[in-house]
Amino acid sequence: MLEGIAALRAEGRVTYGYPVIHFFDVRIEGGRASLHDCQDARKVGQADDRTGKRISRGLPGTHMVAALIKESDGVWRVAKVDQLKVPCSPAARSPSLSLAGSSSL
């Protein structure tokens, strides 16, 4: 991720905005967890660092999957994030939580 930010900066670009998060299908098994997110990224994108002009913006229905690991200090940390090619619909998703013998996320 940091390499990606450095590459953007080298091209004179910065990111702006924050996605709207719609999480679903949370699964916790021991010290590992996964969750799906159907992000609305329409208010997120890249802008020219010098002028501030917006160059790109995200889309609604961006399907992200995060893998988390519970470290020895008890803190959950993101180990990996993938964007799936198939879009999702937040209206069709309702948050679900599956706990398999673990403390809450």
N, C-alpha and C. Protein backbone atom coordinates (compact mmCIF):
# COMPACT_ATOMS: atom_id res chain seq x y z
N MET A 1 0.82 -1.18 0.00
CA MET A 1 0.00 0.00 0.00
C MET A 1 0.87 1.26 0.00
N LEU A 2 1.91 1.26 0.83
CA LEU A 2 2.78 2.43 0.89
C LEU A 2 3.52 2.65 -0.42
N GLU A 3 3.88 1.56 -1.10
CA GLU A 3 4.52 1.69 -2.40
C GLU A 3 3.57 2.32 -3.41
N GLY A 4 2.29 1.97 -3.33
CA GLY A 4 1.29 2.55 -4.22
C GLY A 4 1.13 4.05 -3.99
N ILE A 5 1.14 4.44 -2.72
CA ILE A 5 1.03 5.88 -2.40
C ILE A 5 2.26 6.62 -2.91
N ALA A 6 3.44 6.04 -2.73
CA ALA A 6 4.67 6.67 -3.21
C ALA A 6 4.65 6.81 -4.73
N ALA A 7 4.13 5.78 -5.42
CA ALA A 7 4.05 5.84 -6.89
C ALA A 7 3.09 6.95 -7.32
N LEU A 8 1.96 7.09 -6.62
CA LEU A 8 1.02 8.17 -6.95
C LEU A 8 1.69 9.53 -6.78
N ARG A 9 2.36 9.71 -5.66
CA ARG A 9 3.03 10.99 -5.38
C ARG A 9 4.08 11.30 -6.45
N ALA A 10 4.80 10.27 -6.89
CA ALA A 10 5.82 10.46 -7.93
C ALA A 10 5.19 10.94 -9.23
N GLU A 11 3.93 10.59 -9.47
CA GLU A 11 3.21 11.01 -10.66
C GLU A 11 2.46 12.33 -10.43
N GLY A 12 2.64 12.94 -9.26
CA GLY A 12 1.98 14.20 -8.96
C GLY A 12 0.51 14.04 -8.61
N ARG A 13 0.15 12.87 -8.07
CA ARG A 13 -1.24 12.61 -7.70
C ARG A 13 -1.37 12.35 -6.22
N VAL A 14 -2.54 12.65 -5.70
CA VAL A 14 -2.89 12.36 -4.31
C VAL A 14 -4.28 11.72 -4.30
N THR A 15 -4.60 11.09 -3.21
CA THR A 15 -5.95 10.54 -3.07
C THR A 15 -6.83 11.50 -2.28
N TYR A 16 -8.12 11.39 -2.47
CA TYR A 16 -9.07 12.22 -1.70
C TYR A 16 -10.27 11.37 -1.31
N GLY A 17 -10.95 11.80 -0.26
CA GLY A 17 -12.21 11.20 0.13
C GLY A 17 -12.11 9.92 0.93
N TYR A 18 -13.29 9.43 1.33
CA TYR A 18 -13.42 8.20 2.10
C TYR A 18 -14.60 7.41 1.56
N PRO A 19 -14.47 6.09 1.47
CA PRO A 19 -15.59 5.27 1.00
C PRO A 19 -16.65 5.11 2.08
N VAL A 20 -17.87 4.84 1.66
CA VAL A 20 -18.94 4.46 2.59
C VAL A 20 -18.88 2.94 2.70
N ILE A 21 -18.77 2.46 3.92
CA ILE A 21 -18.57 1.04 4.18
C ILE A 21 -19.91 0.34 4.43
N HIS A 22 -20.09 -0.81 3.78
CA HIS A 22 -21.26 -1.68 4.00
C HIS A 22 -20.72 -3.09 4.19
N PHE A 23 -20.35 -3.42 5.43
CA PHE A 23 -19.75 -4.74 5.66
C PHE A 23 -20.82 -5.83 5.74
N PHE A 24 -20.41 -7.04 5.37
CA PHE A 24 -21.28 -8.21 5.48
C PHE A 24 -20.41 -9.45 5.52
N ASP A 25 -20.98 -10.56 5.85
CA ASP A 25 -20.32 -11.86 5.88
C ASP A 25 -19.02 -11.82 6.67
N VAL A 26 -19.13 -11.47 7.95
CA VAL A 26 -17.98 -11.48 8.86
C VAL A 26 -17.84 -12.88 9.43
N ARG A 27 -16.65 -13.44 9.32
CA ARG A 27 -16.39 -14.79 9.85
C ARG A 27 -15.15 -14.76 10.73
N ILE A 28 -15.30 -15.29 11.94
CA ILE A 28 -14.19 -15.36 12.87
C ILE A 28 -13.98 -16.81 13.25
N GLU A 29 -12.77 -17.28 13.06
CA GLU A 29 -12.41 -18.66 13.41
C GLU A 29 -11.06 -18.61 14.12
N GLY A 30 -11.11 -18.75 15.45
CA GLY A 30 -9.88 -18.67 16.23
C GLY A 30 -9.26 -17.30 16.10
N GLY A 31 -7.98 -17.27 15.70
CA GLY A 31 -7.26 -16.01 15.56
C GLY A 31 -7.26 -15.46 14.16
N ARG A 32 -8.18 -15.94 13.31
CA ARG A 32 -8.29 -15.43 11.94
C ARG A 32 -9.73 -14.97 11.69
N ALA A 33 -9.84 -13.96 10.87
CA ALA A 33 -11.17 -13.44 10.53
C ALA A 33 -11.17 -12.96 9.09
N SER A 34 -12.35 -12.94 8.50
CA SER A 34 -12.51 -12.35 7.17
C SER A 34 -13.81 -11.56 7.17
N LEU A 35 -13.83 -10.53 6.35
CA LEU A 35 -15.06 -9.78 6.19
C LEU A 35 -15.14 -9.23 4.79
N HIS A 36 -16.36 -9.15 4.30
CA HIS A 36 -16.62 -8.58 2.99
C HIS A 36 -17.17 -7.17 3.19
N ASP A 37 -16.87 -6.31 2.26
CA ASP A 37 -17.33 -4.93 2.30
C ASP A 37 -17.82 -4.55 0.92
N CYS A 38 -19.03 -4.01 0.83
CA CYS A 38 -19.57 -3.51 -0.42
C CYS A 38 -19.47 -1.98 -0.39
N GLN A 39 -18.30 -1.47 -0.75
CA GLN A 39 -18.01 -0.04 -0.63
C GLN A 39 -18.71 0.79 -1.69
N ASP A 40 -19.13 1.97 -1.26
CA ASP A 40 -19.57 3.00 -2.19
C ASP A 40 -18.41 3.99 -2.25
N ALA A 41 -17.64 3.93 -3.31
CA ALA A 41 -16.43 4.73 -3.43
C ALA A 41 -16.60 5.93 -4.37
N ARG A 42 -17.84 6.39 -4.55
CA ARG A 42 -18.07 7.51 -5.47
C ARG A 42 -17.46 8.82 -4.99
N LYS A 43 -17.16 8.93 -3.70
CA LYS A 43 -16.56 10.16 -3.17
C LYS A 43 -15.08 9.98 -2.89
N VAL A 44 -14.46 9.01 -3.56
CA VAL A 44 -13.04 8.68 -3.39
C VAL A 44 -12.37 8.70 -4.75
N GLY A 45 -11.14 9.13 -4.81
CA GLY A 45 -10.44 9.09 -6.08
C GLY A 45 -9.05 9.67 -6.01
N GLN A 46 -8.54 10.06 -7.18
CA GLN A 46 -7.22 10.65 -7.29
C GLN A 46 -7.37 12.08 -7.81
N ALA A 47 -6.47 12.95 -7.32
CA ALA A 47 -6.47 14.34 -7.75
C ALA A 47 -5.05 14.77 -8.07
N ASP A 48 -4.93 15.81 -8.89
CA ASP A 48 -3.63 16.39 -9.20
C ASP A 48 -3.11 17.07 -7.94
N ASP A 49 -1.90 16.73 -7.52
CA ASP A 49 -1.34 17.27 -6.28
C ASP A 49 -1.14 18.78 -6.35
N ARG A 50 -0.82 19.30 -7.51
CA ARG A 50 -0.55 20.73 -7.66
C ARG A 50 -1.82 21.56 -7.74
N THR A 51 -2.76 21.12 -8.58
CA THR A 51 -3.97 21.92 -8.83
C THR A 51 -5.16 21.51 -7.98
N GLY A 52 -5.14 20.27 -7.47
CA GLY A 52 -6.29 19.76 -6.72
C GLY A 52 -7.41 19.25 -7.62
N LYS A 53 -7.22 19.37 -8.95
CA LYS A 53 -8.25 18.92 -9.88
C LYS A 53 -8.42 17.40 -9.77
N ARG A 54 -9.66 16.98 -9.66
CA ARG A 54 -9.96 15.56 -9.55
C ARG A 54 -9.78 14.87 -10.89
N ILE A 55 -9.02 13.77 -10.85
CA ILE A 55 -8.67 13.04 -12.07
C ILE A 55 -9.56 11.80 -12.22
N SER A 56 -9.85 11.15 -11.12
CA SER A 56 -10.66 9.93 -11.17
C SER A 56 -11.51 9.84 -9.91
N ARG A 57 -12.51 8.95 -9.98
CA ARG A 57 -13.30 8.69 -8.79
C ARG A 57 -13.73 7.23 -8.80
N GLY A 58 -14.04 6.73 -7.61
CA GLY A 58 -14.44 5.34 -7.48
C GLY A 58 -15.88 5.11 -7.90
N LEU A 59 -16.31 3.89 -7.73
CA LEU A 59 -17.64 3.46 -8.14
C LEU A 59 -18.40 2.88 -6.94
N PRO A 60 -19.71 2.84 -7.04
CA PRO A 60 -20.47 2.12 -6.01
C PRO A 60 -20.34 0.61 -6.25
N GLY A 61 -20.57 -0.15 -5.21
CA GLY A 61 -20.58 -1.60 -5.36
C GLY A 61 -19.21 -2.23 -5.49
N THR A 62 -18.19 -1.59 -4.93
CA THR A 62 -16.84 -2.14 -4.97
C THR A 62 -16.73 -3.22 -3.90
N HIS A 63 -16.51 -4.45 -4.33
CA HIS A 63 -16.53 -5.61 -3.42
C HIS A 63 -15.11 -5.88 -2.92
N MET A 64 -14.89 -5.61 -1.63
CA MET A 64 -13.59 -5.81 -0.99
C MET A 64 -13.69 -6.97 0.00
N VAL A 65 -12.59 -7.71 0.15
CA VAL A 65 -12.52 -8.78 1.14
C VAL A 65 -11.25 -8.58 1.95
N ALA A 66 -11.39 -8.51 3.26
CA ALA A 66 -10.24 -8.32 4.15
C ALA A 66 -10.00 -9.57 4.98
N ALA A 67 -8.72 -9.92 5.15
CA ALA A 67 -8.31 -11.00 6.04
C ALA A 67 -7.61 -10.36 7.23
N LEU A 68 -8.01 -10.75 8.42
CA LEU A 68 -7.43 -10.19 9.64
C LEU A 68 -6.82 -11.31 10.48
N ILE A 69 -5.80 -10.95 11.26
CA ILE A 69 -5.16 -11.90 12.18
C ILE A 69 -5.12 -11.26 13.56
N LYS A 70 -5.46 -12.05 14.57
CA LYS A 70 -5.38 -11.58 15.95
C LYS A 70 -3.96 -11.86 16.45
N GLU A 71 -3.23 -10.79 16.72
CA GLU A 71 -1.83 -10.90 17.14
C GLU A 71 -1.73 -11.29 18.62
N SER A 72 -0.53 -11.61 19.06
CA SER A 72 -0.32 -12.06 20.44
C SER A 72 -0.69 -10.99 21.48
N ASP A 73 -0.71 -9.71 21.07
CA ASP A 73 -1.11 -8.64 21.98
C ASP A 73 -2.62 -8.47 22.06
N GLY A 74 -3.36 -9.35 21.33
CA GLY A 74 -4.82 -9.32 21.38
C GLY A 74 -5.46 -8.36 20.39
N VAL A 75 -4.66 -7.68 19.59
CA VAL A 75 -5.17 -6.70 18.63
C VAL A 75 -5.35 -7.38 17.27
N TRP A 76 -6.52 -7.13 16.64
CA TRP A 76 -6.78 -7.63 15.29
C TRP A 76 -6.10 -6.69 14.30
N ARG A 77 -5.35 -7.26 13.35
CA ARG A 77 -4.69 -6.46 12.33
C ARG A 77 -5.03 -6.99 10.94
N VAL A 78 -5.14 -6.08 10.00
CA VAL A 78 -5.44 -6.46 8.62
C VAL A 78 -4.19 -7.08 8.02
N ALA A 79 -4.32 -8.29 7.51
CA ALA A 79 -3.20 -9.00 6.88
C ALA A 79 -3.23 -8.85 5.37
N LYS A 80 -4.42 -8.74 4.80
CA LYS A 80 -4.55 -8.67 3.35
C LYS A 80 -5.91 -8.09 2.98
N VAL A 81 -5.95 -7.34 1.89
CA VAL A 81 -7.21 -6.82 1.35
C VAL A 81 -7.20 -7.07 -0.15
N ASP A 82 -8.28 -7.66 -0.63
CA ASP A 82 -8.43 -7.91 -2.07
C ASP A 82 -9.70 -7.25 -2.58
N GLN A 83 -9.65 -6.77 -3.81
CA GLN A 83 -10.85 -6.26 -4.47
C GLN A 83 -11.31 -7.31 -5.47
N LEU A 84 -12.55 -7.76 -5.32
CA LEU A 84 -13.10 -8.74 -6.24
C LEU A 84 -13.56 -8.04 -7.51
N LYS A 85 -13.50 -8.75 -8.62
CA LYS A 85 -13.90 -8.16 -9.90
C LYS A 85 -15.40 -8.03 -10.04
N VAL A 86 -16.15 -8.89 -9.35
CA VAL A 86 -17.60 -8.87 -9.44
C VAL A 86 -18.14 -7.81 -8.47
N PRO A 87 -18.92 -6.83 -8.95
CA PRO A 87 -19.46 -5.81 -8.05
C PRO A 87 -20.51 -6.39 -7.10
N CYS A 88 -20.83 -5.63 -6.09
CA CYS A 88 -21.84 -6.05 -5.12
C CYS A 88 -22.87 -4.95 -4.97
N SER A 89 -23.94 -5.24 -4.24
CA SER A 89 -25.00 -4.27 -4.00
C SER A 89 -25.26 -4.19 -2.50
N PRO A 90 -25.00 -3.03 -1.88
CA PRO A 90 -25.21 -2.94 -0.43
C PRO A 90 -26.67 -3.16 -0.03
N ALA A 91 -27.60 -2.81 -0.91
CA ALA A 91 -29.02 -2.99 -0.59
C ALA A 91 -29.38 -4.47 -0.50
N ALA A 92 -28.65 -5.31 -1.23
CA ALA A 92 -28.94 -6.74 -1.25
C ALA A 92 -28.21 -7.47 -0.13
N ARG A 93 -27.38 -6.77 0.61
CA ARG A 93 -26.57 -7.37 1.67
C ARG A 93 -27.07 -6.91 3.03
N SER A 94 -27.10 -7.82 3.97
CA SER A 94 -27.35 -7.43 5.35
C SER A 94 -26.20 -7.96 6.18
N PRO A 95 -25.68 -7.17 7.11
CA PRO A 95 -24.54 -7.63 7.90
C PRO A 95 -24.87 -8.94 8.61
N SER A 96 -23.91 -9.86 8.56
CA SER A 96 -24.04 -11.11 9.28
C SER A 96 -22.76 -11.35 10.04
N LEU A 97 -22.83 -12.01 11.15
CA LEU A 97 -21.66 -12.25 11.97
C LEU A 97 -21.63 -13.71 12.34
N SER A 98 -20.51 -14.36 12.05
CA SER A 98 -20.35 -15.78 12.37
C SER A 98 -19.19 -15.93 13.33
N LEU A 99 -19.46 -16.29 14.56
CA LEU A 99 -18.41 -16.47 15.56
C LEU A 99 -18.19 -17.97 15.77
N ALA A 100 -16.96 -18.40 15.58
CA ALA A 100 -16.63 -19.82 15.77
C ALA A 100 -15.62 -19.95 16.90
N GLY A 101 -16.11 -19.85 18.12
CA GLY A 101 -15.25 -20.03 19.29
C GLY A 101 -14.18 -18.98 19.46
N SER A 102 -14.52 -17.70 19.20
CA SER A 102 -13.53 -16.64 19.31
C SER A 102 -14.17 -15.41 19.92
N SER A 103 -13.31 -14.53 20.42
CA SER A 103 -13.81 -13.26 20.93
C SER A 103 -14.23 -12.38 19.76
N SER A 104 -14.98 -11.37 20.04
CA SER A 104 -15.52 -10.53 18.96
C SER A 104 -14.43 -9.72 18.30
N LEU A 105 -14.69 -9.34 17.08
CA LEU A 105 -13.79 -8.55 16.25
C LEU A 105 -13.89 -7.15 16.75
